[in-house]
Amino acid sequence: MAAGLGGLSLTLPSGKDQLHGLIVTRLEVTVSLRRDNHVVWTGQATTVRASGTRSGTPSVVATALSDALLTWFPRQLPGPLSVP
């Protein structure tokens, strides 16, 4: 199957076994002081991965998101991170 769009051509795989669903995962981390629950740091990271692949397994996704977030700690993030 091919779709043309002003000179752009996209060919999709013909076998259904080659298609994977995409899963959006977001991790939010809040660090607060134990003595009074005062929030001292927050961060968010999001990734989109193909389900049924090694890079889409929960442990790989969790590691990628937490590593990306915690490299910023204790600096404040400019906004939510997008992790490839």
PDB file of N, CA and C in Angstrom:
ATOM      1  N   MET A   1       0.851  -1.174   0.000  1.00  0.00           N
ATOM      2  CA  MET A   1       0.000   0.000   0.000  1.00  0.00           C
ATOM      3  C   MET A   1       0.893   1.232   0.000  1.00  0.00           C
ATOM      4  N   ALA A   2       0.669   2.154  -0.898  1.00  0.00           N
ATOM      5  CA  ALA A   2       1.454   3.378  -0.970  1.00  0.00           C
ATOM      6  C   ALA A   2       0.520   4.580  -0.972  1.00  0.00           C
ATOM      7  N   ALA A   3       0.960   5.631  -0.303  1.00  0.00           N
ATOM      8  CA  ALA A   3       0.177   6.869  -0.271  1.00  0.00           C
ATOM      9  C   ALA A   3       1.050   7.980  -0.801  1.00  0.00           C
ATOM     10  N   GLY A   4       0.543   8.761  -1.740  1.00  0.00           N
ATOM     11  CA  GLY A   4       1.317   9.865  -2.284  1.00  0.00           C
ATOM     12  C   GLY A   4       0.797  11.186  -1.747  1.00  0.00           C
ATOM     13  N   LEU A   5       1.722  12.091  -1.448  1.00  0.00           N
ATOM     14  CA  LEU A   5       1.339  13.371  -0.884  1.00  0.00           C
ATOM     15  C   LEU A   5       2.305  14.417  -1.410  1.00  0.00           C
ATOM     16  N   GLY A   6       1.973  15.070  -2.491  1.00  0.00           N
ATOM     17  CA  GLY A   6       2.815  16.134  -3.020  1.00  0.00           C
ATOM     18  C   GLY A   6       4.263  15.720  -3.223  1.00  0.00           C
ATOM     19  N   GLY A   7       4.512  14.591  -3.827  1.00  0.00           N
ATOM     20  CA  GLY A   7       5.866  14.140  -4.083  1.00  0.00           C
ATOM     21  C   GLY A   7       6.430  13.232  -3.003  1.00  0.00           C
ATOM     22  N   LEU A   8       5.713  13.046  -1.916  1.00  0.00           N
ATOM     23  CA  LEU A   8       6.151  12.164  -0.846  1.00  0.00           C
ATOM     24  C   LEU A   8       5.444  10.838  -0.999  1.00  0.00           C
ATOM     25  N   SER A   9       6.192   9.760  -0.979  1.00  0.00           N
ATOM     26  CA  SER A   9       5.608   8.435  -1.105  1.00  0.00           C
ATOM     27  C   SER A   9       5.962   7.630   0.133  1.00  0.00           C
ATOM     28  N   LEU A  10       4.982   6.963   0.697  1.00  0.00           N
ATOM     29  CA  LEU A  10       5.163   6.161   1.901  1.00  0.00           C
ATOM     30  C   LEU A  10       4.637   4.774   1.618  1.00  0.00           C
ATOM     31  N   THR A  11       5.474   3.776   1.833  1.00  0.00           N
ATOM     32  CA  THR A  11       5.074   2.394   1.632  1.00  0.00           C
ATOM     33  C   THR A  11       4.928   1.725   2.986  1.00  0.00           C
ATOM     34  N   LEU A  12       3.778   1.141   3.229  1.00  0.00           N
ATOM     35  CA  LEU A  12       3.523   0.446   4.482  1.00  0.00           C
ATOM     36  C   LEU A  12       3.795  -1.037   4.300  1.00  0.00           C
ATOM     37  N   PRO A  13       4.235  -1.723   5.356  1.00  0.00           N
ATOM     38  CA  PRO A  13       4.460  -3.163   5.253  1.00  0.00           C
ATOM     39  C   PRO A  13       3.162  -3.883   4.910  1.00  0.00           C
ATOM     40  N   SER A  14       3.283  -4.916   4.098  1.00  0.00           N
ATOM     41  CA  SER A  14       2.078  -5.626   3.665  1.00  0.00           C
ATOM     42  C   SER A  14       1.653  -6.705   4.662  1.00  0.00           C
ATOM     43  N   GLY A  15       2.585  -7.229   5.453  1.00  0.00           N
ATOM     44  CA  GLY A  15       2.236  -8.270   6.421  1.00  0.00           C
ATOM     45  C   GLY A  15       1.866  -7.685   7.765  1.00  0.00           C
ATOM     46  N   LYS A  16       0.753  -8.146   8.331  1.00  0.00           N
ATOM     47  CA  LYS A  16       0.311  -7.605   9.613  1.00  0.00           C
ATOM     48  C   LYS A  16       1.295  -7.890  10.740  1.00  0.00           C
ATOM     49  N   ASP A  17       2.103  -8.931  10.622  1.00  0.00           N
ATOM     50  CA  ASP A  17       3.041  -9.271  11.679  1.00  0.00           C
ATOM     51  C   ASP A  17       4.194  -8.262  11.769  1.00  0.00           C
ATOM     52  N   GLN A  18       4.313  -7.375  10.800  1.00  0.00           N
ATOM     53  CA  GLN A  18       5.370  -6.373  10.812  1.00  0.00           C
ATOM     54  C   GLN A  18       4.929  -5.082  11.499  1.00  0.00           C
ATOM     55  N   LEU A  19       3.663  -4.972  11.824  1.00  0.00           N
ATOM     56  CA  LEU A  19       3.151  -3.764  12.457  1.00  0.00           C
ATOM     57  C   LEU A  19       3.119  -3.935  13.976  1.00  0.00           C
ATOM     58  N   HIS A  20       3.518  -2.889  14.702  1.00  0.00           N
ATOM     59  CA  HIS A  20       3.485  -2.902  16.165  1.00  0.00           C
ATOM     60  C   HIS A  20       2.722  -1.679  16.646  1.00  0.00           C
ATOM     61  N   GLY A  21       1.975  -1.858  17.699  1.00  0.00           N
ATOM     62  CA  GLY A  21       1.293  -0.728  18.310  1.00  0.00           C
ATOM     63  C   GLY A  21       2.291   0.140  19.066  1.00  0.00           C
ATOM     64  N   LEU A  22       1.967   1.400  19.210  1.00  0.00           N
ATOM     65  CA  LEU A  22       2.823   2.307  19.954  1.00  0.00           C
ATOM     66  C   LEU A  22       2.242   2.521  21.344  1.00  0.00           C
ATOM     67  N   ILE A  23       3.133   2.552  22.328  1.00  0.00           N
ATOM     68  CA  ILE A  23       2.728   2.771  23.709  1.00  0.00           C
ATOM     69  C   ILE A  23       3.405   4.039  24.215  1.00  0.00           C
ATOM     70  N   VAL A  24       2.602   4.965  24.728  1.00  0.00           N
ATOM     71  CA  VAL A  24       3.117   6.202  25.309  1.00  0.00           C
ATOM     72  C   VAL A  24       3.237   5.986  26.814  1.00  0.00           C
ATOM     73  N   THR A  25       4.430   6.237  27.350  1.00  0.00           N
ATOM     74  CA  THR A  25       4.669   6.055  28.781  1.00  0.00           C
ATOM     75  C   THR A  25       5.219   7.348  29.361  1.00  0.00           C
ATOM     76  N   ARG A  26       4.650   7.767  30.491  1.00  0.00           N
ATOM     77  CA  ARG A  26       5.121   8.979  31.154  1.00  0.00           C
ATOM     78  C   ARG A  26       5.519   8.630  32.583  1.00  0.00           C
ATOM     79  N   LEU A  27       6.675   9.148  32.989  1.00  0.00           N
ATOM     80  CA  LEU A  27       7.153   8.972  34.357  1.00  0.00           C
ATOM     81  C   LEU A  27       7.209  10.336  35.024  1.00  0.00           C
ATOM     82  N   GLU A  28       6.599  10.432  36.188  1.00  0.00           N
ATOM     83  CA  GLU A  28       6.650  11.662  36.980  1.00  0.00           C
ATOM     84  C   GLU A  28       7.360  11.338  38.290  1.00  0.00           C
ATOM     85  N   VAL A  29       8.342  12.155  38.650  1.00  0.00           N
ATOM     86  CA  VAL A  29       9.089  11.961  39.888  1.00  0.00           C
ATOM     87  C   VAL A  29       8.940  13.210  40.737  1.00  0.00           C
ATOM     88  N   THR A  30       8.614  13.016  42.008  1.00  0.00           N
ATOM     89  CA  THR A  30       8.534  14.108  42.963  1.00  0.00           C
ATOM     90  C   THR A  30       9.418  13.749  44.151  1.00  0.00           C
ATOM     91  N   VAL A  31      10.341  14.648  44.474  1.00  0.00           N
ATOM     92  CA  VAL A  31      11.216  14.454  45.624  1.00  0.00           C
ATOM     93  C   VAL A  31      10.774  15.451  46.686  1.00  0.00           C
ATOM     94  N   SER A  32      10.475  14.920  47.865  1.00  0.00           N
ATOM     95  CA  SER A  32      10.033  15.797  48.954  1.00  0.00           C
ATOM     96  C   SER A  32      10.811  15.459  50.221  1.00  0.00           C
ATOM     97  N   LEU A  33      10.859  16.442  51.113  1.00  0.00           N
ATOM     98  CA  LEU A  33      11.533  16.252  52.391  1.00  0.00           C
ATOM     99  C   LEU A  33      10.692  15.347  53.277  1.00  0.00           C
ATOM    100  N   ARG A  34      11.333  14.444  53.934  1.00  0.00           N
ATOM    101  CA  ARG A  34      10.630  13.495  54.793  1.00  0.00           C
ATOM    102  C   ARG A  34       9.991  14.188  55.998  1.00  0.00           C
ATOM    103  N   ARG A  35      10.666  15.213  56.531  1.00  0.00           N
ATOM    104  CA  ARG A  35      10.191  15.835  57.773  1.00  0.00           C
ATOM    105  C   ARG A  35       8.883  16.606  57.616  1.00  0.00           C
ATOM    106  N   ASP A  36       8.664  17.232  56.433  1.00  0.00           N
ATOM    107  CA  ASP A  36       7.452  18.043  56.296  1.00  0.00           C
ATOM    108  C   ASP A  36       6.780  17.910  54.931  1.00  0.00           C
ATOM    109  N   ASN A  37       7.226  16.967  54.114  1.00  0.00           N
ATOM    110  CA  ASN A  37       6.678  16.722  52.778  1.00  0.00           C
ATOM    111  C   ASN A  37       6.819  17.902  51.824  1.00  0.00           C
ATOM    112  N   HIS A  38       7.725  18.821  52.132  1.00  0.00           N
ATOM    113  CA  HIS A  38       7.976  19.956  51.237  1.00  0.00           C
ATOM    114  C   HIS A  38       8.615  19.434  49.942  1.00  0.00           C
ATOM    115  N   VAL A  39       7.998  19.738  48.801  1.00  0.00           N
ATOM    116  CA  VAL A  39       8.502  19.284  47.507  1.00  0.00           C
ATOM    117  C   VAL A  39       9.726  20.114  47.125  1.00  0.00           C
ATOM    118  N   VAL A  40      10.851  19.430  46.861  1.00  0.00           N
ATOM    119  CA  VAL A  40      12.086  20.125  46.502  1.00  0.00           C
ATOM    120  C   VAL A  40      12.477  19.920  45.040  1.00  0.00           C
ATOM    121  N   TRP A  41      11.869  18.939  44.377  1.00  0.00           N
ATOM    122  CA  TRP A  41      12.205  18.705  42.967  1.00  0.00           C
ATOM    123  C   TRP A  41      11.109  17.870  42.326  1.00  0.00           C
ATOM    124  N   THR A  42      10.765  18.214  41.093  1.00  0.00           N
ATOM    125  CA  THR A  42       9.825  17.409  40.306  1.00  0.00           C
ATOM    126  C   THR A  42      10.343  17.303  38.877  1.00  0.00           C
ATOM    127  N   GLY A  43       9.963  16.240  38.215  1.00  0.00           N
ATOM    128  CA  GLY A  43      10.343  16.069  36.823  1.00  0.00           C
ATOM    129  C   GLY A  43       9.393  15.111  36.123  1.00  0.00           C
ATOM    130  N   GLN A  44       9.259  15.292  34.826  1.00  0.00           N
ATOM    131  CA  GLN A  44       8.426  14.422  33.996  1.00  0.00           C
ATOM    132  C   GLN A  44       9.197  14.058  32.738  1.00  0.00           C
ATOM    133  N   ALA A  45       9.041  12.809  32.316  1.00  0.00           N
ATOM    134  CA  ALA A  45       9.644  12.358  31.062  1.00  0.00           C
ATOM    135  C   ALA A  45       8.649  11.444  30.364  1.00  0.00           C
ATOM    136  N   THR A  46       8.625  11.530  29.044  1.00  0.00           N
ATOM    137  CA  THR A  46       7.702  10.745  28.232  1.00  0.00           C
ATOM    138  C   THR A  46       8.474  10.086  27.099  1.00  0.00           C
ATOM    139  N   THR A  47       8.048   8.878  26.754  1.00  0.00           N
ATOM    140  CA  THR A  47       8.604   8.195  25.598  1.00  0.00           C
ATOM    141  C   THR A  47       7.490   7.452  24.871  1.00  0.00           C
ATOM    142  N   VAL A  48       7.725   7.182  23.604  1.00  0.00           N
ATOM    143  CA  VAL A  48       6.803   6.387  22.788  1.00  0.00           C
ATOM    144  C   VAL A  48       7.621   5.245  22.217  1.00  0.00           C
ATOM    145  N   ARG A  49       7.187   4.037  22.494  1.00  0.00           N
ATOM    146  CA  ARG A  49       7.911   2.847  22.041  1.00  0.00           C
ATOM    147  C   ARG A  49       6.952   1.868  21.395  1.00  0.00           C
ATOM    148  N   ALA A  50       7.487   1.034  20.521  1.00  0.00           N
ATOM    149  CA  ALA A  50       6.691  -0.003  19.868  1.00  0.00           C
ATOM    150  C   ALA A  50       6.489  -1.172  20.820  1.00  0.00           C
ATOM    151  N   SER A  51       5.251  -1.602  20.953  1.00  0.00           N
ATOM    152  CA  SER A  51       4.973  -2.759  21.805  1.00  0.00           C
ATOM    153  C   SER A  51       5.497  -4.026  21.128  1.00  0.00           C
ATOM    154  N   GLY A  52       5.827  -4.997  21.947  1.00  0.00           N
ATOM    155  CA  GLY A  52       6.305  -6.265  21.408  1.00  0.00           C
ATOM    156  C   GLY A  52       7.735  -6.235  20.928  1.00  0.00           C
ATOM    157  N   THR A  53       8.480  -5.193  21.291  1.00  0.00           N
ATOM    158  CA  THR A  53       9.889  -5.100  20.916  1.00  0.00           C
ATOM    159  C   THR A  53      10.732  -5.020  22.181  1.00  0.00           C
ATOM    160  N   ARG A  54      12.031  -5.278  22.057  1.00  0.00           N
ATOM    161  CA  ARG A  54      12.915  -5.211  23.209  1.00  0.00           C
ATOM    162  C   ARG A  54      12.945  -3.809  23.797  1.00  0.00           C
ATOM    163  N   SER A  55      12.968  -2.776  22.939  1.00  0.00           N
ATOM    164  CA  SER A  55      13.024  -1.403  23.446  1.00  0.00           C
ATOM    165  C   SER A  55      11.705  -0.956  24.072  1.00  0.00           C
ATOM    166  N   GLY A  56      10.649  -1.745  23.891  1.00  0.00           N
ATOM    167  CA  GLY A  56       9.356  -1.407  24.456  1.00  0.00           C
ATOM    168  C   GLY A  56       9.008  -2.178  25.717  1.00  0.00           C
ATOM    169  N   THR A  57       9.940  -3.016  26.207  1.00  0.00           N
ATOM    170  CA  THR A  57       9.651  -3.766  27.427  1.00  0.00           C
ATOM    171  C   THR A  57       9.618  -2.815  28.625  1.00  0.00           C
ATOM    172  N   PRO A  58       8.803  -3.124  29.623  1.00  0.00           N
ATOM    173  CA  PRO A  58       8.673  -2.226  30.769  1.00  0.00           C
ATOM    174  C   PRO A  58      10.004  -1.884  31.443  1.00  0.00           C
ATOM    175  N   SER A  59      10.899  -2.851  31.580  1.00  0.00           N
ATOM    176  CA  SER A  59      12.166  -2.563  32.266  1.00  0.00           C
ATOM    177  C   SER A  59      13.053  -1.621  31.454  1.00  0.00           C
ATOM    178  N   VAL A  60      13.062  -1.773  30.146  1.00  0.00           N
ATOM    179  CA  VAL A  60      13.864  -0.892  29.293  1.00  0.00           C
ATOM    180  C   VAL A  60      13.277   0.518  29.285  1.00  0.00           C
ATOM    181  N   VAL A  61      11.966   0.617  29.198  1.00  0.00           N
ATOM    182  CA  VAL A  61      11.293   1.922  29.204  1.00  0.00           C
ATOM    183  C   VAL A  61      11.520   2.628  30.542  1.00  0.00           C
ATOM    184  N   ALA A  62      11.338   1.911  31.645  1.00  0.00           N
ATOM    185  CA  ALA A  62      11.523   2.498  32.973  1.00  0.00           C
ATOM    186  C   ALA A  62      12.957   2.990  33.164  1.00  0.00           C
ATOM    187  N   THR A  63      13.925   2.213  32.718  1.00  0.00           N
ATOM    188  CA  THR A  63      15.330   2.611  32.839  1.00  0.00           C
ATOM    189  C   THR A  63      15.616   3.851  32.011  1.00  0.00           C
ATOM    190  N   ALA A  64      15.129   3.889  30.782  1.00  0.00           N
ATOM    191  CA  ALA A  64      15.375   5.048  29.909  1.00  0.00           C
ATOM    192  C   ALA A  64      14.774   6.322  30.497  1.00  0.00           C
ATOM    193  N   LEU A  65      13.538   6.234  30.987  1.00  0.00           N
ATOM    194  CA  LEU A  65      12.879   7.412  31.543  1.00  0.00           C
ATOM    195  C   LEU A  65      13.542   7.873  32.841  1.00  0.00           C
ATOM    196  N   SER A  66      13.828   6.946  33.742  1.00  0.00           N
ATOM    197  CA  SER A  66      14.430   7.344  35.017  1.00  0.00           C
ATOM    198  C   SER A  66      15.850   7.866  34.826  1.00  0.00           C
ATOM    199  N   ASP A  67      16.630   7.254  33.941  1.00  0.00           N
ATOM    200  CA  ASP A  67      17.984   7.758  33.665  1.00  0.00           C
ATOM    201  C   ASP A  67      17.933   9.175  33.111  1.00  0.00           C
ATOM    202  N   ALA A  68      17.019   9.423  32.186  1.00  0.00           N
ATOM    203  CA  ALA A  68      16.902  10.760  31.586  1.00  0.00           C
ATOM    204  C   ALA A  68      16.509  11.796  32.635  1.00  0.00           C
ATOM    205  N   LEU A  69      15.579  11.447  33.499  1.00  0.00           N
ATOM    206  CA  LEU A  69      15.132  12.385  34.530  1.00  0.00           C
ATOM    207  C   LEU A  69      16.217  12.653  35.568  1.00  0.00           C
ATOM    208  N   LEU A  70      16.810  11.596  36.059  1.00  0.00           N
ATOM    209  CA  LEU A  70      17.732  11.755  37.177  1.00  0.00           C
ATOM    210  C   LEU A  70      19.064  12.385  36.786  1.00  0.00           C
ATOM    211  N   THR A  71      19.372  12.465  35.498  1.00  0.00           N
ATOM    212  CA  THR A  71      20.578  13.201  35.096  1.00  0.00           C
ATOM    213  C   THR A  71      20.407  14.691  35.359  1.00  0.00           C
ATOM    214  N   TRP A  72      19.168  15.148  35.482  1.00  0.00           N
ATOM    215  CA  TRP A  72      18.885  16.558  35.757  1.00  0.00           C
ATOM    216  C   TRP A  72      18.917  16.882  37.243  1.00  0.00           C
ATOM    217  N   PHE A  73      18.674  15.898  38.091  1.00  0.00           N
ATOM    218  CA  PHE A  73      18.566  16.141  39.529  1.00  0.00           C
ATOM    219  C   PHE A  73      19.888  16.644  40.085  1.00  0.00           C
ATOM    220  N   PRO A  74      19.920  17.713  40.877  1.00  0.00           N
ATOM    221  CA  PRO A  74      18.848  18.472  41.495  1.00  0.00           C
ATOM    222  C   PRO A  74      18.452  19.722  40.709  1.00  0.00           C
ATOM    223  N   ARG A  75      19.008  19.903  39.493  1.00  0.00           N
ATOM    224  CA  ARG A  75      18.631  21.075  38.681  1.00  0.00           C
ATOM    225  C   ARG A  75      17.187  20.928  38.218  1.00  0.00           C
ATOM    226  N   GLN A  76      16.508  22.057  38.098  1.00  0.00           N
ATOM    227  CA  GLN A  76      15.129  22.046  37.617  1.00  0.00           C
ATOM    228  C   GLN A  76      15.117  21.837  36.102  1.00  0.00           C
ATOM    229  N   LEU A  77      14.195  21.058  35.636  1.00  0.00           N
ATOM    230  CA  LEU A  77      14.036  20.833  34.202  1.00  0.00           C
ATOM    231  C   LEU A  77      13.375  22.045  33.560  1.00  0.00           C
ATOM    232  N   PRO A  78      13.695  22.311  32.288  1.00  0.00           N
ATOM    233  CA  PRO A  78      13.038  23.408  31.593  1.00  0.00           C
ATOM    234  C   PRO A  78      11.591  23.071  31.242  1.00  0.00           C
ATOM    235  N   GLY A  79      11.228  21.812  31.327  1.00  0.00           N
ATOM    236  CA  GLY A  79       9.887  21.341  31.000  1.00  0.00           C
ATOM    237  C   GLY A  79       9.934  19.825  30.924  1.00  0.00           C
ATOM    238  N   PRO A  80       8.836  19.203  30.550  1.00  0.00           N
ATOM    239  CA  PRO A  80       8.839  17.728  30.425  1.00  0.00           C
ATOM    240  C   PRO A  80       9.859  17.281  29.389  1.00  0.00           C
ATOM    241  N   LEU A  81      10.542  16.175  29.686  1.00  0.00           N
ATOM    242  CA  LEU A  81      11.524  15.630  28.758  1.00  0.00           C
ATOM    243  C   LEU A  81      10.850  14.677  27.783  1.00  0.00           C
ATOM    244  N   SER A  82      11.335  14.681  26.558  1.00  0.00           N
ATOM    245  CA  SER A  82      10.922  13.717  25.567  1.00  0.00           C
ATOM    246  C   SER A  82      12.099  12.780  25.344  1.00  0.00           C
ATOM    247  N   VAL A  83      11.926  11.505  25.632  1.00  0.00           N
ATOM    248  CA  VAL A  83      13.006  10.536  25.558  1.00  0.00           C
ATOM    249  C   VAL A  83      12.800   9.677  24.319  1.00  0.00           C
ATOM    250  N   PRO A  84      13.805   9.619  23.445  1.00  0.00           N
ATOM    251  CA  PRO A  84      13.657   8.789  22.231  1.00  0.00           C
ATOM    252  C   PRO A  84      13.585   7.294  22.551  1.00  0.00           C
TER     253      PRO A  84
END
